[in-house]
Amino acid sequence: MPRTAVRIATAAQAATVTSNSPVVTDWALRYFGPWWNATSIAPDADAAVVADVNADRVAEIAQRVADHSHEEAV
């Protein structure tokens, strides 16, 4: 699966988020873009944040959430 990347920058700092899932980097671009400078870039081997998605683990967690009744805590 091809890796994708987003560069998120402020005035003095920056981080590159890479992922094996374009859903992750698309979300980062939409979420951070309005507040900081966020742009799609070519993946960088020296990325500061790696956000790989394990589909089996996500399915397991989603099933656990679905299997348990939700409770409200005050």
N, C-alpha and C. Protein backbone atom coordinates (compact mmCIF):
# COMPACT_ATOMS: atom_id res chain seq x y z
N MET A 1 0.85 -1.17 0.00
CA MET A 1 0.00 0.00 0.00
C MET A 1 0.90 1.24 0.00
N PRO A 2 0.62 2.20 -0.86
CA PRO A 2 1.48 3.39 -0.89
C PRO A 2 1.28 4.27 0.34
N ARG A 3 2.35 4.88 0.80
CA ARG A 3 2.29 5.79 1.95
C ARG A 3 1.89 7.17 1.46
N THR A 4 1.18 7.91 2.32
CA THR A 4 0.82 9.29 2.04
C THR A 4 1.35 10.15 3.18
N ALA A 5 1.42 11.45 2.95
CA ALA A 5 2.00 12.33 3.97
C ALA A 5 1.37 13.71 3.94
N VAL A 6 1.35 14.35 5.11
CA VAL A 6 0.88 15.72 5.27
C VAL A 6 1.91 16.44 6.13
N ARG A 7 2.28 17.63 5.72
CA ARG A 7 3.20 18.48 6.49
C ARG A 7 2.37 19.53 7.21
N ILE A 8 2.48 19.58 8.53
CA ILE A 8 1.73 20.53 9.36
C ILE A 8 2.75 21.48 9.98
N ALA A 9 2.58 22.77 9.73
CA ALA A 9 3.57 23.74 10.19
C ALA A 9 2.93 24.92 10.90
N THR A 10 3.64 25.42 11.91
CA THR A 10 3.29 26.68 12.57
C THR A 10 4.41 27.65 12.22
N ALA A 11 4.44 28.78 12.86
CA ALA A 11 5.47 29.77 12.55
C ALA A 11 6.88 29.23 12.76
N ALA A 12 7.07 28.44 13.83
CA ALA A 12 8.43 28.02 14.17
C ALA A 12 8.66 26.51 14.13
N GLN A 13 7.61 25.72 14.10
CA GLN A 13 7.74 24.26 14.18
C GLN A 13 6.95 23.59 13.06
N ALA A 14 7.32 22.35 12.76
CA ALA A 14 6.59 21.59 11.75
C ALA A 14 6.69 20.10 12.06
N ALA A 15 5.71 19.37 11.59
CA ALA A 15 5.71 17.90 11.72
C ALA A 15 5.16 17.32 10.44
N THR A 16 5.70 16.17 10.06
CA THR A 16 5.19 15.45 8.90
C THR A 16 4.50 14.20 9.41
N VAL A 17 3.25 14.03 9.02
CA VAL A 17 2.47 12.84 9.38
C VAL A 17 2.43 11.94 8.16
N THR A 18 2.89 10.69 8.31
CA THR A 18 2.80 9.73 7.21
C THR A 18 1.91 8.58 7.64
N SER A 19 1.30 7.93 6.67
CA SER A 19 0.43 6.81 6.97
C SER A 19 0.36 5.87 5.78
N ASN A 20 0.02 4.62 6.08
CA ASN A 20 -0.22 3.66 5.02
C ASN A 20 -1.68 3.73 4.56
N SER A 21 -2.44 4.67 5.11
CA SER A 21 -3.84 4.85 4.75
C SER A 21 -4.10 6.31 4.43
N PRO A 22 -4.55 6.63 3.21
CA PRO A 22 -4.83 8.01 2.87
C PRO A 22 -5.94 8.61 3.74
N VAL A 23 -6.77 7.78 4.34
CA VAL A 23 -7.84 8.29 5.22
C VAL A 23 -7.22 9.08 6.38
N VAL A 24 -6.11 8.61 6.91
CA VAL A 24 -5.45 9.28 8.04
C VAL A 24 -4.90 10.63 7.63
N THR A 25 -4.18 10.67 6.54
CA THR A 25 -3.57 11.94 6.13
C THR A 25 -4.62 12.91 5.59
N ASP A 26 -5.67 12.40 4.95
CA ASP A 26 -6.77 13.27 4.51
C ASP A 26 -7.43 13.93 5.72
N TRP A 27 -7.64 13.15 6.79
CA TRP A 27 -8.23 13.70 8.02
C TRP A 27 -7.31 14.77 8.61
N ALA A 28 -6.02 14.48 8.69
CA ALA A 28 -5.07 15.44 9.26
C ALA A 28 -5.09 16.74 8.46
N LEU A 29 -5.18 16.65 7.15
CA LEU A 29 -5.22 17.83 6.31
C LEU A 29 -6.50 18.64 6.57
N ARG A 30 -7.64 17.96 6.66
CA ARG A 30 -8.91 18.65 6.94
C ARG A 30 -8.93 19.24 8.34
N TYR A 31 -8.44 18.50 9.33
CA TYR A 31 -8.51 18.94 10.72
C TYR A 31 -7.54 20.09 11.00
N PHE A 32 -6.29 19.94 10.60
CA PHE A 32 -5.26 20.94 10.93
C PHE A 32 -5.20 22.09 9.94
N GLY A 33 -5.65 21.87 8.71
CA GLY A 33 -5.55 22.88 7.67
C GLY A 33 -6.12 24.25 8.03
N PRO A 34 -7.32 24.32 8.64
CA PRO A 34 -7.88 25.64 8.95
C PRO A 34 -7.09 26.43 9.99
N TRP A 35 -6.32 25.78 10.85
CA TRP A 35 -5.61 26.48 11.92
C TRP A 35 -4.13 26.67 11.65
N TRP A 36 -3.52 25.72 10.99
CA TRP A 36 -2.09 25.77 10.71
C TRP A 36 -1.88 25.59 9.21
N ASN A 37 -0.67 25.71 8.79
CA ASN A 37 -0.34 25.43 7.38
C ASN A 37 -0.20 23.93 7.21
N ALA A 38 -1.15 23.31 6.53
CA ALA A 38 -1.12 21.87 6.30
C ALA A 38 -1.21 21.62 4.80
N THR A 39 -0.27 20.83 4.29
CA THR A 39 -0.23 20.54 2.86
C THR A 39 0.14 19.08 2.64
N SER A 40 -0.40 18.51 1.58
CA SER A 40 -0.03 17.15 1.18
C SER A 40 1.36 17.21 0.57
N ILE A 41 2.19 16.25 0.94
CA ILE A 41 3.56 16.18 0.40
C ILE A 41 3.91 14.73 0.12
N ALA A 42 5.06 14.52 -0.49
CA ALA A 42 5.57 13.16 -0.69
C ALA A 42 6.01 12.61 0.66
N PRO A 43 5.80 11.33 0.92
CA PRO A 43 6.22 10.74 2.20
C PRO A 43 7.72 10.91 2.43
N ASP A 44 8.07 11.11 3.70
CA ASP A 44 9.46 11.35 4.11
C ASP A 44 9.87 10.26 5.09
N ALA A 45 10.99 9.64 4.85
CA ALA A 45 11.46 8.56 5.74
C ALA A 45 11.77 9.06 7.14
N ASP A 46 12.02 10.36 7.30
CA ASP A 46 12.35 10.93 8.60
C ASP A 46 11.14 11.61 9.24
N ALA A 47 9.94 11.13 8.94
CA ALA A 47 8.71 11.75 9.46
C ALA A 47 8.70 11.73 10.99
N ALA A 48 8.12 12.77 11.57
CA ALA A 48 8.03 12.88 13.02
C ALA A 48 6.90 12.03 13.58
N VAL A 49 5.83 11.84 12.81
CA VAL A 49 4.66 11.10 13.29
C VAL A 49 4.30 10.06 12.24
N VAL A 50 4.22 8.80 12.63
CA VAL A 50 3.80 7.75 11.73
C VAL A 50 2.46 7.23 12.22
N ALA A 51 1.45 7.28 11.36
CA ALA A 51 0.09 6.93 11.76
C ALA A 51 -0.41 5.76 10.92
N ASP A 52 0.16 4.58 11.14
CA ASP A 52 -0.28 3.40 10.41
C ASP A 52 -1.59 2.89 10.99
N VAL A 53 -2.41 2.32 10.12
CA VAL A 53 -3.71 1.81 10.53
C VAL A 53 -3.71 0.30 10.37
N ASN A 54 -4.02 -0.41 11.46
CA ASN A 54 -4.12 -1.86 11.43
C ASN A 54 -5.61 -2.19 11.36
N ALA A 55 -6.09 -2.57 10.18
CA ALA A 55 -7.52 -2.80 9.96
C ALA A 55 -8.10 -3.84 10.92
N ASP A 56 -7.35 -4.90 11.22
CA ASP A 56 -7.85 -5.93 12.14
C ASP A 56 -8.03 -5.37 13.55
N ARG A 57 -7.09 -4.56 13.99
CA ARG A 57 -7.17 -3.97 15.34
C ARG A 57 -8.34 -2.98 15.42
N VAL A 58 -8.53 -2.19 14.38
CA VAL A 58 -9.66 -1.25 14.35
C VAL A 58 -10.98 -2.02 14.42
N ALA A 59 -11.10 -3.11 13.67
CA ALA A 59 -12.32 -3.92 13.70
C ALA A 59 -12.55 -4.52 15.08
N GLU A 60 -11.48 -4.97 15.73
CA GLU A 60 -11.59 -5.53 17.08
C GLU A 60 -12.09 -4.48 18.08
N ILE A 61 -11.53 -3.30 18.03
CA ILE A 61 -11.94 -2.23 18.95
C ILE A 61 -13.38 -1.82 18.68
N ALA A 62 -13.75 -1.68 17.42
CA ALA A 62 -15.13 -1.32 17.06
C ALA A 62 -16.11 -2.37 17.57
N GLN A 63 -15.74 -3.64 17.48
CA GLN A 63 -16.61 -4.71 17.97
C GLN A 63 -16.77 -4.65 19.48
N ARG A 64 -15.69 -4.38 20.20
CA ARG A 64 -15.78 -4.24 21.65
C ARG A 64 -16.72 -3.12 22.06
N VAL A 65 -16.62 -2.00 21.36
CA VAL A 65 -17.50 -0.86 21.65
C VAL A 65 -18.95 -1.26 21.38
N ALA A 66 -19.19 -1.92 20.26
CA ALA A 66 -20.55 -2.31 19.89
C ALA A 66 -21.13 -3.36 20.84
N ASP A 67 -20.30 -4.20 21.41
CA ASP A 67 -20.76 -5.29 22.27
C ASP A 67 -21.12 -4.85 23.68
N HIS A 68 -20.73 -3.65 24.09
CA HIS A 68 -20.98 -3.20 25.44
C HIS A 68 -21.95 -2.02 25.46
N SER A 69 -22.88 -2.09 26.40
CA SER A 69 -23.84 -1.00 26.48
C SER A 69 -23.12 0.27 26.93
N HIS A 70 -23.62 1.39 26.46
CA HIS A 70 -23.01 2.66 26.80
C HIS A 70 -23.60 3.18 28.10
N GLU A 71 -22.77 3.75 28.92
CA GLU A 71 -23.20 4.29 30.20
C GLU A 71 -22.83 5.76 30.27
N GLU A 72 -23.65 6.52 30.96
CA GLU A 72 -23.33 7.93 31.15
C GLU A 72 -22.81 8.12 32.56
N ALA A 73 -21.69 8.79 32.67
CA ALA A 73 -21.10 9.07 33.97
C ALA A 73 -21.17 10.57 34.20
N VAL A 74 -21.52 10.94 35.41
CA VAL A 74 -21.61 12.37 35.75
C VAL A 74 -20.57 12.71 36.77
